[in-house]
Amino acid sequence: MFTSSLTWLPEEQWLTSAAAHQVRAKRFGEPFTERRMKRQKHPIDDFLFTYYTQKPGQLYRWHPGPGVVLGGQTAQERETWKFYREVIHPLTGERGFTVDLESFAQARTDAVTFANIILAGTATRAANFACFGLHEWAMAYKSDDNGIRHEYLPLRLGAAGTDAVVEESKIRCTHFDAFRFYTPEAIPLNELTPTRETQRDLEQPGCLHANMDLYKWAYKLTPAVPSELVMDCFELAWDIRTMDMQASPYDLTDWGQEPIRIETPAGKAEYVRLQKKFAERAELLRQQLLNVAQSVPVAQT
């Protein structure tokens, strides 16, 4: 049923937006696909397609978000897309398709509920700007015994130098999905012991990984999230991943990246400066995602 709350977009209008989205997304996705075919790795540019579950083909699909009806012949393919429903134009009788927010809510109740908890909780907490990216160093601690996650990358300070930075630092990582990759010897050095169960209590808006995860919540809430917002979150995560690896113990000069030397006062200051800028970007996107999550009509328990 077509109602006054819906906006009907003719095919020529929405196809322009869809094409622009594909150009934006393929700039990141196509180089990754080409590398996979050649069995090549990239420590920064592969991350968002390997660590997260959304693949390039899924990212390329454009969604307008709720309240928009897509008209025209091309829209007919969405009859088979998940969480879309048919709408008939009241004047022309044309078939269009729109996001079915009710069926999405029924199928994804748990995901929407958890996204609401994480997004809202994170937004209310004070940001920690004193972590200095030491989670990556903790993942490489005692590498002579454990190896390192990125075996094809050399350690900038060597194994002993990396261990010394970890041992001389105060480590207080709040993010479970970083903490769970610590080496066994590094785990007791963290002041906190994040778990999946305590994630809702510990996530804070200064955390690089929490801010990268805005992309995760964006695609988990798709198609309720407009694709423009998904890409805004993706690009934030991409920029954060670049800085995260620059501040890591790995030597990325072969990939054109100069290190942020967090083992020095100047490096720490640069890290905090960039971290605060990312937190500002993330604050706006987090609120937009929270608005979407709160608009999904899930049953209250």
Protein backbone atom coordinates (compact mmCIF):
# COMPACT_ATOMS: atom_id res chain seq x y z
CA MET A 1 0.00 0.00 0.00
CA PHE A 2 1.26 3.46 -0.92
CA THR A 3 0.91 6.01 1.90
CA SER A 4 1.85 9.65 2.36
CA SER A 5 4.87 8.59 4.41
CA LEU A 6 6.46 7.04 1.30
CA THR A 7 8.44 8.86 -1.38
CA TRP A 8 8.23 7.45 -4.91
CA LEU A 9 11.46 7.72 -6.90
CA PRO A 10 11.33 7.28 -10.68
CA GLU A 11 13.90 4.92 -12.15
CA GLU A 12 16.12 7.56 -13.75
CA GLN A 13 16.49 9.32 -10.41
CA TRP A 14 17.35 6.40 -8.14
CA LEU A 15 19.58 4.66 -10.70
CA THR A 16 21.84 7.72 -10.61
CA SER A 17 22.24 7.32 -6.85
CA ALA A 18 22.81 3.58 -7.20
CA ALA A 19 25.50 4.12 -9.84
CA ALA A 20 27.28 6.73 -7.72
CA HIS A 21 27.27 4.33 -4.79
CA GLN A 22 28.81 1.55 -6.88
CA VAL A 23 31.61 3.83 -8.03
CA ARG A 24 32.29 4.79 -4.43
CA ALA A 25 32.26 1.19 -3.16
CA LYS A 26 34.16 -0.40 -6.05
CA ARG A 27 37.09 1.95 -5.48
CA PHE A 28 37.78 -0.19 -2.41
CA GLY A 29 36.28 -3.53 -3.40
CA GLU A 30 37.73 -4.13 -6.85
CA PRO A 31 41.43 -3.88 -5.84
CA PHE A 32 40.72 -6.35 -3.02
CA THR A 33 39.08 -8.81 -5.43
CA GLU A 34 42.00 -8.50 -7.85
CA ARG A 35 44.49 -9.21 -5.06
CA ARG A 36 42.52 -12.27 -3.96
CA MET A 37 42.65 -13.67 -7.47
CA LYS A 38 46.43 -13.20 -7.49
CA ARG A 39 46.79 -14.56 -3.90
CA GLN A 40 48.28 -11.27 -2.77
CA LYS A 41 47.86 -9.68 0.67
CA HIS A 42 47.68 -6.08 1.85
CA PRO A 43 47.88 -5.39 5.61
CA ILE A 44 45.61 -2.34 5.47
CA ASP A 45 43.41 -2.52 2.40
CA ASP A 46 42.24 -6.13 2.92
CA PHE A 47 41.09 -5.68 6.49
CA LEU A 48 37.52 -4.49 6.04
CA PHE A 49 36.77 -7.40 3.68
CA THR A 50 38.42 -10.12 5.77
CA TYR A 51 37.86 -9.15 9.40
CA TYR A 52 34.25 -8.12 8.76
CA THR A 53 31.73 -10.47 7.16
CA GLN A 54 30.33 -8.23 4.42
CA LYS A 55 31.91 -8.99 1.04
CA PRO A 56 32.43 -6.56 -1.86
CA GLY A 57 29.40 -7.76 -3.83
CA GLN A 58 27.14 -7.06 -0.85
CA LEU A 59 28.70 -3.63 -0.36
CA TYR A 60 28.03 -2.74 -4.00
CA ARG A 61 24.26 -3.14 -3.59
CA TRP A 62 22.58 0.20 -3.11
CA HIS A 63 19.72 0.60 -0.64
CA PRO A 64 17.76 3.84 -0.22
CA GLY A 65 16.66 3.12 3.34
CA PRO A 66 13.05 2.99 4.58
CA GLY A 67 10.33 5.28 3.28
CA VAL A 68 11.47 5.27 -0.35
CA VAL A 69 9.74 3.41 -3.18
CA LEU A 70 11.86 2.53 -6.19
CA GLY A 71 9.93 2.67 -9.43
CA GLY A 72 10.71 1.44 -12.94
CA GLN A 73 11.63 -1.83 -14.61
CA THR A 74 15.01 -2.20 -12.91
CA ALA A 75 13.35 -2.10 -9.50
CA GLN A 76 11.50 -5.34 -10.29
CA GLU A 77 14.60 -7.38 -9.41
CA ARG A 78 14.09 -6.36 -5.79
CA GLU A 79 11.05 -8.60 -5.67
CA THR A 80 13.55 -11.37 -4.78
CA TRP A 81 15.71 -9.26 -2.46
CA LYS A 82 15.44 -9.84 1.27
CA PHE A 83 13.37 -7.33 3.22
CA TYR A 84 11.71 -5.58 0.28
CA ARG A 85 7.99 -5.44 -0.44
CA GLU A 86 5.85 -4.39 -3.37
CA VAL A 87 4.02 -1.06 -3.47
CA ILE A 88 1.50 -0.05 -6.15
CA HIS A 89 1.49 3.55 -7.32
CA PRO A 90 -2.04 4.95 -6.59
CA LEU A 91 -2.30 6.90 -9.85
CA THR A 92 -0.43 4.86 -12.45
CA GLY A 93 -0.75 1.34 -11.06
CA GLU A 94 3.01 0.92 -11.48
CA ARG A 95 4.76 -1.62 -9.27
CA GLY A 96 7.53 -0.30 -7.04
CA PHE A 97 9.55 -1.74 -4.18
CA THR A 98 10.45 -0.43 -0.75
CA VAL A 99 12.27 -1.67 2.35
CA ASP A 100 9.99 -3.84 4.46
CA LEU A 101 10.92 -2.58 7.91
CA GLU A 102 8.42 -4.84 9.67
CA SER A 103 9.77 -8.10 8.22
CA PHE A 104 13.32 -6.90 8.85
CA ALA A 105 12.46 -6.22 12.48
CA GLN A 106 10.95 -9.66 12.93
CA ALA A 107 13.93 -11.47 11.38
CA ARG A 108 16.68 -9.39 13.00
CA THR A 109 15.26 -8.58 16.42
CA ASP A 110 18.33 -9.74 18.34
CA ALA A 111 20.78 -7.88 16.08
CA VAL A 112 18.77 -4.64 16.22
CA THR A 113 18.38 -4.89 20.00
CA PHE A 114 22.10 -5.45 20.53
CA ALA A 115 23.01 -2.64 18.13
CA ASN A 116 20.77 -0.29 20.12
CA ILE A 117 22.49 -1.30 23.37
CA ILE A 118 26.02 -0.91 22.03
CA LEU A 119 25.46 2.31 20.10
CA ALA A 120 23.52 4.05 22.86
CA GLY A 121 25.82 2.88 25.64
CA THR A 122 29.00 3.84 23.84
CA ALA A 123 27.68 7.33 23.13
CA THR A 124 27.11 8.02 26.84
CA ARG A 125 30.61 7.13 28.08
CA ALA A 126 33.73 9.23 28.41
CA ALA A 127 36.34 8.65 25.72
CA ASN A 128 39.72 7.15 26.60
CA PHE A 129 42.52 8.81 24.65
CA ALA A 130 45.40 7.13 26.49
CA CYS A 131 45.53 3.69 24.88
CA PHE A 132 48.07 4.65 22.16
CA GLY A 133 47.16 1.66 20.00
CA LEU A 134 48.95 -0.78 22.29
CA HIS A 135 46.47 -3.53 21.46
CA GLU A 136 48.42 -4.24 18.26
CA TRP A 137 51.65 -4.45 20.25
CA ALA A 138 50.05 -6.84 22.74
CA MET A 139 49.08 -9.09 19.82
CA ALA A 140 52.79 -9.29 18.87
CA TYR A 141 54.14 -9.68 22.42
CA LYS A 142 56.65 -12.52 22.89
CA SER A 143 56.63 -13.16 19.16
CA ASP A 144 59.71 -15.37 19.43
CA ASP A 145 57.46 -17.86 21.20
CA ASN A 146 54.07 -17.13 19.61
CA GLY A 147 54.79 -15.84 16.13
CA ILE A 148 52.89 -12.79 14.91
CA ARG A 149 49.48 -12.37 13.30
CA HIS A 150 50.87 -10.76 10.16
CA GLU A 151 53.68 -13.18 9.48
CA TYR A 152 54.71 -11.44 6.26
CA LEU A 153 55.39 -8.12 8.03
CA PRO A 154 58.62 -7.38 9.92
CA LEU A 155 58.52 -5.86 13.38
CA ARG A 156 59.80 -2.30 13.28
CA LEU A 157 61.71 -2.62 16.59
CA GLY A 158 62.30 -6.35 16.37
CA ALA A 159 60.91 -8.89 18.82
CA ALA A 160 62.86 -7.68 21.86
CA GLY A 161 62.10 -4.02 21.17
CA THR A 162 58.39 -4.77 20.75
CA ASP A 163 58.32 -6.70 24.02
CA ALA A 164 60.03 -3.82 25.81
CA VAL A 165 57.38 -1.32 24.67
CA VAL A 166 54.62 -3.59 25.95
CA GLU A 167 56.33 -4.18 29.28
CA GLU A 168 57.04 -0.48 29.84
CA SER A 169 53.50 0.65 28.99
CA LYS A 170 50.20 0.87 30.80
CA ILE A 171 47.72 -1.16 28.72
CA ARG A 172 44.00 -0.62 29.25
CA CYS A 173 42.20 -1.90 26.18
CA THR A 174 38.39 -1.87 26.51
CA HIS A 175 37.51 -3.66 23.28
CA PHE A 176 36.93 -7.41 23.39
CA ASP A 177 37.51 -7.99 19.68
CA ALA A 178 41.01 -6.55 20.05
CA PHE A 179 41.74 -8.14 23.42
CA ARG A 180 40.85 -11.64 22.21
CA PHE A 181 43.85 -11.60 19.84
CA TYR A 182 46.41 -10.84 22.57
CA THR A 183 49.18 -13.37 22.99
CA PRO A 184 48.82 -15.48 26.17
CA GLU A 185 51.62 -13.58 27.93
CA ALA A 186 50.00 -10.22 27.15
CA ILE A 187 46.56 -11.02 28.55
CA PRO A 188 47.44 -10.44 32.24
CA LEU A 189 49.18 -7.16 31.33
CA ASN A 190 45.87 -5.56 30.31
CA GLU A 191 44.22 -3.71 33.21
CA LEU A 192 40.81 -4.96 32.09
CA THR A 193 39.51 -8.35 30.96
CA PRO A 194 36.93 -7.55 28.28
CA THR A 195 34.47 -10.29 27.35
CA ARG A 196 31.60 -10.51 24.89
CA GLU A 197 29.24 -10.27 27.86
CA THR A 198 30.85 -7.07 29.20
CA GLN A 199 31.11 -5.43 25.77
CA ARG A 200 27.92 -3.46 26.41
CA ASP A 201 29.50 -2.01 29.57
CA LEU A 202 33.02 -1.27 28.31
CA GLU A 203 32.69 0.13 24.78
CA GLN A 204 33.77 3.78 24.74
CA PRO A 205 33.88 6.39 21.95
CA GLY A 206 37.64 6.95 21.91
CA CYS A 207 38.35 3.35 20.97
CA LEU A 208 39.56 2.93 17.39
CA HIS A 209 38.02 -0.52 17.09
CA ALA A 210 34.66 0.60 18.50
CA ASN A 211 34.62 3.36 15.90
CA MET A 212 35.63 0.99 13.11
CA ASP A 213 32.76 -1.24 14.21
CA LEU A 214 30.26 1.42 13.22
CA TYR A 215 30.67 -0.11 9.78
CA LYS A 216 29.70 -3.50 11.21
CA TRP A 217 26.53 -2.11 12.75
CA ALA A 218 25.74 -0.27 9.51
CA TYR A 219 25.77 -3.41 7.37
CA LYS A 220 24.08 -5.52 10.03
CA LEU A 221 21.20 -3.02 9.95
CA THR A 222 21.06 -2.99 6.13
CA PRO A 223 18.71 -2.40 4.28
CA ALA A 224 17.27 -0.22 7.04
CA VAL A 225 20.45 1.89 6.75
CA PRO A 226 20.81 3.97 3.56
CA SER A 227 23.90 2.97 1.59
CA GLU A 228 25.34 6.47 1.77
CA LEU A 229 25.57 6.08 5.56
CA VAL A 230 27.07 2.59 5.19
CA MET A 231 29.81 4.03 2.99
CA ASP A 232 30.44 6.90 5.41
CA CYS A 233 31.04 4.29 8.12
CA PHE A 234 33.14 2.16 5.77
CA GLU A 235 35.40 5.07 4.86
CA LEU A 236 35.82 6.01 8.52
CA ALA A 237 36.81 2.41 9.30
CA TRP A 238 39.23 2.43 6.35
CA ASP A 239 40.94 5.59 7.59
CA ILE A 240 41.10 4.25 11.15
CA ARG A 241 42.62 0.98 9.99
CA THR A 242 45.34 2.91 8.18
CA MET A 243 46.23 4.87 11.30
CA ASP A 244 45.93 1.75 13.48
CA MET A 245 48.57 -0.04 11.42
CA GLN A 246 50.79 3.03 11.21
CA ALA A 247 50.88 3.00 15.02
CA SER A 248 51.40 -0.76 15.19
CA PRO A 249 54.74 -2.51 15.77
CA TYR A 250 54.94 -3.51 12.10
CA ASP A 251 57.18 -1.92 9.48
CA LEU A 252 54.91 -0.80 6.63
CA THR A 253 57.37 1.28 4.64
CA ASP A 254 57.09 -1.17 1.74
CA TRP A 255 53.38 -0.22 1.62
CA GLY A 256 54.14 3.50 1.61
CA GLN A 257 53.22 4.10 5.26
CA GLU A 258 55.36 6.07 7.68
CA PRO A 259 55.12 4.87 11.29
CA ILE A 260 53.48 6.70 14.14
CA ARG A 261 56.11 5.97 16.78
CA ILE A 262 53.91 5.56 19.84
CA GLU A 263 56.96 4.51 21.86
CA THR A 264 57.99 8.22 21.81
CA PRO A 265 56.26 11.29 23.33
CA ALA A 266 55.86 12.85 19.87
CA GLY A 267 54.32 9.66 18.51
CA LYS A 268 51.89 9.46 21.41
CA ALA A 269 50.83 13.06 20.83
CA GLU A 270 50.25 12.41 17.12
CA TYR A 271 48.24 9.29 17.93
CA VAL A 272 45.96 11.18 20.33
CA ARG A 273 45.47 14.03 17.84
CA LEU A 274 44.29 11.64 15.13
CA GLN A 275 42.29 9.54 17.57
CA LYS A 276 40.28 12.58 18.66
CA LYS A 277 39.50 13.51 15.05
CA PHE A 278 38.22 10.00 14.38
CA ALA A 279 36.10 10.16 17.54
CA GLU A 280 34.49 13.37 16.27
CA ARG A 281 33.63 11.75 12.93
CA ALA A 282 32.35 8.65 14.69
CA GLU A 283 30.12 10.61 17.05
CA LEU A 284 28.00 11.92 14.17
CA LEU A 285 27.78 8.54 12.44
CA ARG A 286 26.98 6.71 15.67
CA GLN A 287 24.01 9.00 16.28
CA GLN A 288 22.74 8.47 12.74
CA LEU A 289 22.98 4.69 13.15
CA LEU A 290 21.29 4.88 16.52
CA ASN A 291 18.43 6.85 14.96
CA VAL A 292 18.01 4.04 12.42
CA ALA A 293 18.21 1.29 15.02
CA GLN A 294 15.65 3.02 17.22
CA SER A 295 13.28 3.39 14.26
CA VAL A 296 13.15 -0.36 13.63
CA PRO A 297 9.93 -1.64 15.26
CA VAL A 298 11.33 -4.56 17.26
CA ALA A 299 9.23 -6.09 20.02
CA GLN A 300 10.21 -4.85 23.45
CA THR A 301 11.15 -7.52 26.00
